[in-house]
C-alpha atoms as a PDB file:
ATOM      1  CA  MET A   1     130.045 -76.696   2.558  1.00  0.00           C
ATOM      2  CA  SER A   2     128.473 -78.282   5.586  1.00  0.00           C
ATOM      3  CA  ASN A   3     124.787 -78.405   5.955  1.00  0.00           C
ATOM      4  CA  GLN A   4     124.140 -76.556   9.156  1.00  0.00           C
ATOM      5  CA  PRO A   5     120.782 -75.637  10.303  1.00  0.00           C
ATOM      6  CA  PRO A   6     120.131 -72.036   9.791  1.00  0.00           C
ATOM      7  CA  THR A   7     120.769 -69.966  12.685  1.00  0.00           C
ATOM      8  CA  ASN A   8     117.926 -67.713  13.420  1.00  0.00           C
ATOM      9  CA  GLU A   9     118.992 -64.461  14.698  1.00  0.00           C
ATOM     10  CA  PRO A  10     116.590 -62.540  16.833  1.00  0.00           C
ATOM     11  CA  TRP A  11     115.984 -60.148  14.046  1.00  0.00           C
ATOM     12  CA  GLN A  12     115.492 -62.982  11.795  1.00  0.00           C
ATOM     13  CA  GLN A  13     112.808 -64.564  13.878  1.00  0.00           C
ATOM     14  CA  PRO A  14     109.497 -64.670  12.112  1.00  0.00           C
ATOM     15  CA  LEU A  15     106.952 -62.247  13.322  1.00  0.00           C
ATOM     16  CA  GLN A  16     104.392 -63.769  15.546  1.00  0.00           C
ATOM     17  CA  GLN A  17     100.783 -63.394  14.503  1.00  0.00           C
ATOM     18  CA  PRO A  18      98.803 -61.300  16.881  1.00  0.00           C
ATOM     19  CA  TYR A  19      96.185 -62.919  18.934  1.00  0.00           C
ATOM     20  CA  PRO A  20      92.838 -63.130  17.439  1.00  0.00           C
ATOM     21  CA  GLY A  21      91.422 -61.143  20.299  1.00  0.00           C
ATOM     22  CA  ASN A  22      93.501 -58.184  19.357  1.00  0.00           C
ATOM     23  CA  GLN A  23      92.272 -58.033  15.817  1.00  0.00           C
ATOM     24  CA  PRO A  24      90.104 -55.058  15.006  1.00  0.00           C
ATOM     25  CA  TYR A  25      86.464 -55.568  14.257  1.00  0.00           C
ATOM     26  CA  PRO A  26      85.726 -55.992  10.668  1.00  0.00           C
ATOM     27  CA  GLN A  27      84.289 -52.866   9.192  1.00  0.00           C
ATOM     28  CA  GLN A  28      80.681 -53.019   8.153  1.00  0.00           C
ATOM     29  CA  PRO A  29      79.829 -51.647   4.810  1.00  0.00           C
ATOM     30  CA  PRO A  30      77.801 -48.451   5.136  1.00  0.00           C
ATOM     31  CA  GLN A  31      74.136 -48.849   4.678  1.00  0.00           C
ATOM     32  CA  GLN A  32      72.718 -47.115   1.703  1.00  0.00           C
ATOM     33  CA  ASN A  33      69.387 -45.354   1.832  1.00  0.00           C
ATOM     34  CA  TYR A  34      67.798 -45.820  -1.449  1.00  0.00           C
ATOM     35  CA  GLY A  35      65.991 -42.840  -2.831  1.00  0.00           C
ATOM     36  CA  GLN A  36      67.637 -40.395  -0.372  1.00  0.00           C
ATOM     37  CA  PRO A  37      70.383 -38.043  -1.463  1.00  0.00           C
ATOM     38  CA  GLN A  38      73.771 -38.686   0.074  1.00  0.00           C
ATOM     39  CA  TRP A  39      73.968 -35.330   1.746  1.00  0.00           C
ATOM     40  CA  GLN A  40      70.840 -35.889   3.733  1.00  0.00           C
ATOM     41  CA  GLN A  41      72.430 -38.798   5.534  1.00  0.00           C
ATOM     42  CA  GLN A  42      74.973 -36.480   7.014  1.00  0.00           C
ATOM     43  CA  GLN A  43      72.506 -33.952   8.357  1.00  0.00           C
ATOM     44  CA  PRO A  44      71.903 -33.985  12.089  1.00  0.00           C
ATOM     45  CA  TYR A  45      68.509 -35.126  13.203  1.00  0.00           C
ATOM     46  CA  SER A  46      65.965 -32.461  13.804  1.00  0.00           C
ATOM     47  CA  PRO A  47      62.246 -32.881  14.460  1.00  0.00           C
ATOM     48  CA  GLN A  48      60.177 -32.435  11.353  1.00  0.00           C
ATOM     49  CA  GLN A  49      58.178 -29.241  11.341  1.00  0.00           C
ATOM     50  CA  PRO A  50      54.444 -29.699  10.708  1.00  0.00           C
ATOM     51  CA  ILE A  51      53.326 -28.621   7.282  1.00  0.00           C
ATOM     52  CA  TYR A  52      50.222 -26.468   7.257  1.00  0.00           C
ATOM     53  CA  GLN A  53      48.085 -26.678   4.215  1.00  0.00           C
ATOM     54  CA  GLN A  54      46.675 -23.389   2.968  1.00  0.00           C
ATOM     55  CA  GLN A  55      42.924 -23.331   3.093  1.00  0.00           C
ATOM     56  CA  PRO A  56      41.349 -22.961  -0.335  1.00  0.00           C
ATOM     57  CA  MET A  57      39.841 -19.549  -1.006  1.00  0.00           C
ATOM     58  CA  GLN A  58      36.065 -19.612  -0.800  1.00  0.00           C
ATOM     59  CA  PRO A  59      34.014 -17.296  -2.993  1.00  0.00           C
ATOM     60  CA  PRO A  60      32.113 -14.585  -1.081  1.00  0.00           C
ATOM     61  CA  PRO A  61      28.500 -15.515  -0.336  1.00  0.00           C
ATOM     62  CA  ARG A  62      26.034 -14.294  -2.892  1.00  0.00           C
ATOM     63  CA  LYS A  63      23.946 -11.384  -1.765  1.00  0.00           C
ATOM     64  CA  LYS A  64      20.363 -12.362  -1.284  1.00  0.00           C
ATOM     65  CA  SER A  65      18.003 -10.525  -3.499  1.00  0.00           C
ATOM     66  CA  LYS A  66      15.607  -8.180  -1.677  1.00  0.00           C
ATOM     67  CA  THR A  67      13.053  -8.167  -4.464  1.00  0.00           C
ATOM     68  CA  TRP A  68      10.757 -10.517  -2.584  1.00  0.00           C
ATOM     69  CA  LEU A  69      10.948  -8.280   0.489  1.00  0.00           C
ATOM     70  CA  TRP A  70       9.783  -5.241  -1.482  1.00  0.00           C
ATOM     71  CA  ILE A  71       6.963  -7.269  -3.013  1.00  0.00           C
ATOM     72  CA  VAL A  72       5.735  -8.390   0.421  1.00  0.00           C
ATOM     73  CA  LEU A  73       5.950  -4.856   1.792  1.00  0.00           C
ATOM     74  CA  GLY A  74       4.034  -3.530  -1.229  1.00  0.00           C
ATOM     75  CA  VAL A  75       1.243  -6.083  -0.753  1.00  0.00           C
ATOM     76  CA  ILE A  76       0.997  -5.245   2.952  1.00  0.00           C
ATOM     77  CA  ALA A  77       0.864  -1.504   2.182  1.00  0.00           C
ATOM     78  CA  VAL A  78      -1.936  -2.012  -0.352  1.00  0.00           C
ATOM     79  CA  LEU A  79      -3.944  -4.109   2.115  1.00  0.00           C
ATOM     80  CA  VAL A  80      -3.504  -1.565   4.910  1.00  0.00           C
ATOM     81  CA  LEU A  81      -4.476   1.311   2.600  1.00  0.00           C
ATOM     82  CA  GLY A  82      -7.556  -0.597   1.433  1.00  0.00           C
ATOM     83  CA  CYS A  83      -8.651  -1.241   5.021  1.00  0.00           C
ATOM     84  CA  ILE A  84      -8.207   2.439   5.905  1.00  0.00           C
ATOM     85  CA  CYS A  85     -10.242   3.587   2.886  1.00  0.00           C
ATOM     86  CA  ALA A  86     -12.993   1.066   3.583  1.00  0.00           C
ATOM     87  CA  SER A  87     -13.177   2.115   7.228  1.00  0.00           C
ATOM     88  CA  ALA A  88     -13.331   5.802   6.279  1.00  0.00           C
ATOM     89  CA  LEU A  89     -16.132   5.221   3.767  1.00  0.00           C
ATOM     90  CA  ALA A  90     -18.094   3.126   6.253  1.00  0.00           C
ATOM     91  CA  PHE A  91     -17.659   5.769   8.952  1.00  0.00           C
ATOM     92  CA  ASN A  92     -18.811   8.588   6.670  1.00  0.00           C
ATOM     93  CA  ALA A  93     -21.821   6.584   5.517  1.00  0.00           C
ATOM     94  CA  ALA A  94     -22.867   5.775   9.074  1.00  0.00           C
ATOM     95  CA  LYS A  95     -22.329   9.374  10.117  1.00  0.00           C
ATOM     96  CA  ASN A  96     -24.368  10.756   7.220  1.00  0.00           C
ATOM     97  CA  VAL A  97     -27.282   8.368   7.763  1.00  0.00           C
ATOM     98  CA  SER A  98     -27.433   8.728  11.519  1.00  0.00           C
ATOM     99  CA  SER A  99     -27.230  12.530  11.483  1.00  0.00           C
ATOM    100  CA  THR A 100     -30.064  13.243   9.010  1.00  0.00           C
ATOM    101  CA  THR A 101     -32.638  14.904  11.283  1.00  0.00           C
ATOM    102  CA  VAL A 102     -35.570  17.274  11.289  1.00  0.00           C
ATOM    103  CA  SER A 103     -34.357  20.539  12.799  1.00  0.00           C
ATOM    104  CA  SER A 104     -37.375  21.016  15.050  1.00  0.00           C
ATOM    105  CA  GLY A 105     -37.000  17.658  16.801  1.00  0.00           C
ATOM    106  CA  ASN A 106     -33.250  17.240  16.249  1.00  0.00           C
ATOM    107  CA  THR A 107     -33.628  13.453  16.361  1.00  0.00           C
ATOM    108  CA  PRO A 108     -32.153  10.884  13.959  1.00  0.00           C
ATOM    109  CA  VAL A 109     -34.453   9.711  11.190  1.00  0.00           C
ATOM    110  CA  PRO A 110     -34.243   6.647   8.949  1.00  0.00           C
ATOM    111  CA  SER A 111     -32.650   7.239   5.537  1.00  0.00           C
ATOM    112  CA  SER A 112     -35.901   6.047   3.899  1.00  0.00           C
ATOM    113  CA  GLN A 113     -37.968   8.790   5.538  1.00  0.00           C
ATOM    114  CA  HIS A 114     -39.424  11.412   3.187  1.00  0.00           C
ATOM    115  CA  PHE A 115     -39.972  15.029   4.096  1.00  0.00           C
ATOM    116  CA  ALA A 116     -42.580  17.539   2.987  1.00  0.00           C
ATOM    117  CA  VAL A 117     -42.254  20.963   1.432  1.00  0.00           C
ATOM    118  CA  GLY A 118     -41.562  23.527   4.161  1.00  0.00           C
ATOM    119  CA  GLN A 119     -39.638  21.176   6.488  1.00  0.00           C
ATOM    120  CA  ILE A 120     -36.089  22.099   7.477  1.00  0.00           C
ATOM    121  CA  VAL A 121     -33.865  19.030   7.543  1.00  0.00           C
ATOM    122  CA  LYS A 122     -30.425  18.803   9.148  1.00  0.00           C
ATOM    123  CA  VAL A 123     -28.070  16.896   6.865  1.00  0.00           C
ATOM    124  CA  GLY A 124     -25.000  15.705   8.732  1.00  0.00           C
ATOM    125  CA  ASP A 125     -23.004  18.385  10.503  1.00  0.00           C
ATOM    126  CA  THR A 126     -22.847  20.543   7.396  1.00  0.00           C
ATOM    127  CA  TRP A 127     -26.252  21.688   6.157  1.00  0.00           C
ATOM    128  CA  ASP A 128     -29.735  22.710   7.126  1.00  0.00           C
ATOM    129  CA  VAL A 129     -31.821  22.261   3.947  1.00  0.00           C
ATOM    130  CA  SER A 130     -35.442  23.181   3.304  1.00  0.00           C
ATOM    131  CA  VAL A 131     -37.687  23.075   0.229  1.00  0.00           C
ATOM    132  CA  ASN A 132     -39.543  26.383   0.441  1.00  0.00           C
ATOM    133  CA  SER A 133     -41.995  25.998  -2.423  1.00  0.00           C
ATOM    134  CA  MET A 134     -42.603  24.569  -5.911  1.00  0.00           C
ATOM    135  CA  LYS A 135     -44.402  25.844  -9.028  1.00  0.00           C
ATOM    136  CA  THR A 136     -44.654  25.243 -12.774  1.00  0.00           C
ATOM    137  CA  SER A 137     -43.755  27.619 -15.600  1.00  0.00           C
ATOM    138  CA  LYS A 138     -44.068  27.814 -19.388  1.00  0.00           C
ATOM    139  CA  GLY A 139     -40.693  29.564 -19.626  1.00  0.00           C
ATOM    140  CA  ASP A 140     -39.868  32.764 -21.479  1.00  0.00           C
ATOM    141  CA  GLN A 141     -39.226  33.746 -25.083  1.00  0.00           C
ATOM    142  CA  PHE A 142     -35.821  32.055 -25.109  1.00  0.00           C
ATOM    143  CA  SER A 143     -36.478  29.046 -22.887  1.00  0.00           C
ATOM    144  CA  VAL A 144     -39.615  27.120 -23.818  1.00  0.00           C
ATOM    145  CA  PRO A 145     -40.393  23.506 -22.809  1.00  0.00           C
ATOM    146  CA  LYS A 146     -41.340  20.923 -25.416  1.00  0.00           C
ATOM    147  CA  SER A 147     -44.958  20.285 -26.264  1.00  0.00           C
ATOM    148  CA  GLY A 148     -46.619  18.308 -23.478  1.00  0.00           C
ATOM    149  CA  ASN A 149     -43.955  19.359 -20.973  1.00  0.00           C
ATOM    150  CA  THR A 150     -43.634  22.121 -18.411  1.00  0.00           C
ATOM    151  CA  TYR A 151     -40.946  23.577 -16.205  1.00  0.00           C
ATOM    152  CA  LEU A 152     -41.039  22.471 -12.573  1.00  0.00           C
ATOM    153  CA  ILE A 153     -39.362  25.143 -10.417  1.00  0.00           C
ATOM    154  CA  ILE A 154     -38.307  24.207  -6.871  1.00  0.00           C
ATOM    155  CA  ASP A 155     -37.254  26.999  -4.509  1.00  0.00           C
ATOM    156  CA  LEU A 156     -34.961  25.922  -1.646  1.00  0.00           C
ATOM    157  CA  THR A 157     -32.630  27.269   1.028  1.00  0.00           C
ATOM    158  CA  MET A 158     -29.366  25.770   2.312  1.00  0.00           C
ATOM    159  CA  LYS A 159     -27.495  26.941   5.401  1.00  0.00           C
ATOM    160  CA  ASN A 160     -23.898  26.027   6.139  1.00  0.00           C
ATOM    161  CA  ILE A 161     -23.903  24.964   9.799  1.00  0.00           C
ATOM    162  CA  SER A 162     -20.287  23.765   9.817  1.00  0.00           C
ATOM    163  CA  THR A 163     -17.245  25.750  10.891  1.00  0.00           C
ATOM    164  CA  GLN A 164     -15.686  25.687   7.433  1.00  0.00           C
ATOM    165  CA  GLU A 165     -16.498  27.000   4.000  1.00  0.00           C
ATOM    166  CA  GLN A 166     -18.499  24.561   1.852  1.00  0.00           C
ATOM    167  CA  LYS A 167     -19.115  24.161  -1.882  1.00  0.00           C
ATOM    168  CA  VAL A 168     -22.423  23.363  -3.564  1.00  0.00           C
ATOM    169  CA  SER A 169     -23.137  21.997  -7.045  1.00  0.00           C
ATOM    170  CA  SER A 170     -26.870  21.667  -7.664  1.00  0.00           C
ATOM    171  CA  LEU A 171     -26.285  19.557 -10.770  1.00  0.00           C
ATOM    172  CA  ILE A 172     -24.373  16.961  -8.721  1.00  0.00           C
ATOM    173  CA  SER A 173     -26.031  17.131  -5.300  1.00  0.00           C
ATOM    174  CA  PHE A 174     -29.742  17.150  -6.302  1.00  0.00           C
ATOM    175  CA  ASN A 175     -31.758  14.565  -8.257  1.00  0.00           C
ATOM    176  CA  LEU A 176     -35.405  14.536  -9.320  1.00  0.00           C
ATOM    177  CA  LEU A 177     -37.337  11.282  -9.926  1.00  0.00           C
ATOM    178  CA  ASP A 178     -40.970  10.716 -10.860  1.00  0.00           C
ATOM    179  CA  SER A 179     -43.187   7.947  -9.509  1.00  0.00           C
ATOM    180  CA  THR A 180     -41.977   5.538 -12.215  1.00  0.00           C
ATOM    181  CA  GLY A 181     -38.336   6.043 -11.292  1.00  0.00           C
ATOM    182  CA  GLN A 182     -37.541   8.225 -14.302  1.00  0.00           C
ATOM    183  CA  LYS A 183     -34.670  10.576 -13.543  1.00  0.00           C
ATOM    184  CA  TYR A 184     -34.682  14.182 -14.755  1.00  0.00           C
ATOM    185  CA  THR A 185     -31.680  16.387 -15.392  1.00  0.00           C
ATOM    186  CA  GLU A 186     -31.593  19.966 -14.181  1.00  0.00           C
ATOM    187  CA  THR A 187     -32.514  22.376 -16.977  1.00  0.00           C
ATOM    188  CA  LEU A 188     -30.536  25.536 -17.637  1.00  0.00           C
ATOM    189  CA  THR A 189     -32.777  28.405 -18.703  1.00  0.00           C
ATOM    190  CA  THR A 190     -32.549  32.097 -19.468  1.00  0.00           C
ATOM    191  CA  MET A 191     -35.351  33.015 -17.087  1.00  0.00           C
ATOM    192  CA  SER A 192     -34.242  36.004 -15.067  1.00  0.00           C
ATOM    193  CA  ASP A 193     -35.727  34.860 -11.783  1.00  0.00           C
ATOM    194  CA  ILE A 194     -33.882  31.520 -11.770  1.00  0.00           C
ATOM    195  CA  HIS A 195     -30.613  31.282  -9.836  1.00  0.00           C
ATOM    196  CA  PRO A 196     -29.380  27.741  -9.095  1.00  0.00           C
ATOM    197  CA  PRO A 197     -27.874  27.211  -5.613  1.00  0.00           C
ATOM    198  CA  ASP A 198     -24.252  26.812  -6.706  1.00  0.00           C
ATOM    199  CA  GLY A 199     -20.889  28.046  -5.451  1.00  0.00           C
ATOM    200  CA  LYS A 200     -19.105  28.558  -2.157  1.00  0.00           C
ATOM    201  CA  VAL A 201     -20.921  29.120   1.127  1.00  0.00           C
ATOM    202  CA  GLU A 202     -19.055  30.456   4.128  1.00  0.00           C
ATOM    203  CA  ALA A 203     -19.541  28.984   7.596  1.00  0.00           C
ATOM    204  CA  GLY A 204     -22.883  29.978   9.115  1.00  0.00           C
ATOM    205  CA  ALA A 205     -24.185  31.579   5.902  1.00  0.00           C
ATOM    206  CA  PRO A 206     -27.378  30.649   3.972  1.00  0.00           C
ATOM    207  CA  LEU A 207     -27.735  30.095   0.229  1.00  0.00           C
ATOM    208  CA  ARG A 208     -31.059  30.304  -1.572  1.00  0.00           C
ATOM    209  CA  GLY A 209     -31.688  29.221  -5.154  1.00  0.00           C
ATOM    210  CA  GLN A 210     -34.034  27.592  -7.658  1.00  0.00           C
ATOM    211  CA  LEU A 211     -33.895  24.242  -9.433  1.00  0.00           C
ATOM    212  CA  VAL A 212     -35.607  23.876 -12.821  1.00  0.00           C
ATOM    213  CA  TYR A 213     -36.625  20.560 -14.399  1.00  0.00           C
ATOM    214  CA  GLU A 214     -38.524  19.971 -17.634  1.00  0.00           C
ATOM    215  CA  VAL A 215     -41.179  17.339 -16.843  1.00  0.00           C
ATOM    216  CA  PRO A 216     -44.361  15.923 -18.433  1.00  0.00           C
ATOM    217  CA  ILE A 217     -47.528  17.818 -17.602  1.00  0.00           C
ATOM    218  CA  SER A 218     -49.293  14.522 -16.990  1.00  0.00           C
ATOM    219  CA  MET A 219     -46.882  13.492 -14.212  1.00  0.00           C
ATOM    220  CA  LYS A 220     -47.864  14.871 -10.800  1.00  0.00           C
ATOM    221  CA  ASP A 221     -45.737  13.128  -8.157  1.00  0.00           C
ATOM    222  CA  TYR A 222     -41.980  13.502  -7.757  1.00  0.00           C
ATOM    223  CA  THR A 223     -39.218  13.120  -5.200  1.00  0.00           C
ATOM    224  CA  LEU A 224     -36.277  15.486  -4.795  1.00  0.00           C
ATOM    225  CA  SER A 225     -33.164  14.003  -3.179  1.00  0.00           C
ATOM    226  CA  PHE A 226     -30.102  15.746  -1.794  1.00  0.00           C
ATOM    227  CA  GLN A 227     -26.727  14.098  -1.224  1.00  0.00           C
ATOM    228  CA  ALA A 228     -24.119  16.222   0.535  1.00  0.00           C
ATOM    229  CA  ASP A 229     -21.241  13.828  -0.224  1.00  0.00           C
ATOM    230  CA  ILE A 230     -21.491  11.809  -3.434  1.00  0.00           C
ATOM    231  CA  THR A 231     -18.755   9.424  -2.252  1.00  0.00           C
ATOM    232  CA  SER A 232     -20.835   8.206   0.706  1.00  0.00           C
ATOM    233  CA  SER A 233     -24.207   6.554   1.024  1.00  0.00           C
ATOM    234  CA  GLY A 234     -27.350   8.167   2.387  1.00  0.00           C
ATOM    235  CA  GLN A 235     -29.580  10.919   0.989  1.00  0.00           C
ATOM    236  CA  THR A 236     -32.312  13.295   2.120  1.00  0.00           C
ATOM    237  CA  ILE A 237     -35.629  13.091   0.217  1.00  0.00           C
ATOM    238  CA  TRP A 238     -38.607  15.456  -0.156  1.00  0.00           C
ATOM    239  CA  ASP A 239     -41.943  14.581  -1.741  1.00  0.00           C
ATOM    240  CA  ILE A 240     -43.032  17.010  -4.461  1.00  0.00           C
ATOM    241  CA  HIS A 241     -46.667  17.080  -5.611  1.00  0.00           C
ATOM    242  CA  MET A 242     -47.845  19.256  -8.508  1.00  0.00           C
END
């Protein structure tokens, strides 16, 4: 067998290597996102929606107590009421003092002025009062003064000069003092001719009555005072001499 060089047929020619320029680009290994699930990498991009945080619920404001308001209003009411009462008392006192007059002259007189038996005195806008007379008595068989004492009987007349009905209490409205300042309480007796000036008096009507006091025979000088309103100051005074 002869050694002949191999004959290369066209189909037996070795394949030529393609040019390097025609080689495809080497594939890059896919990047892995650590910590992200695989499916998220395949999602299309979309802008992230803002996340709104829910505001924490706040407790409703506590209702303010109104106790202090009621206390302040109560204090103000008491002060206002006190001022009104004080003003009313002061007005009545000034009115009573300034309107005590002698009926004949009809002029104001000082509250310290004393009147005599027989004088008619205007007291405020309510009364005309006069002491008509005075006398002493030994009483009767049922009413007898103590030893050394006697009954002093004062006869007086009151006229209601107001436009309304008035009430009189001789035990409250009249007081008898001696020259030493000793006060005497009205004496209730069974003497038939004694009628204290008590009760209701209609407008324009007079009321006549007698006051009886048990006093020492040795005491001769007294004062009888009349106070139309015991809640106000001021009084009308008569001098009584035995």
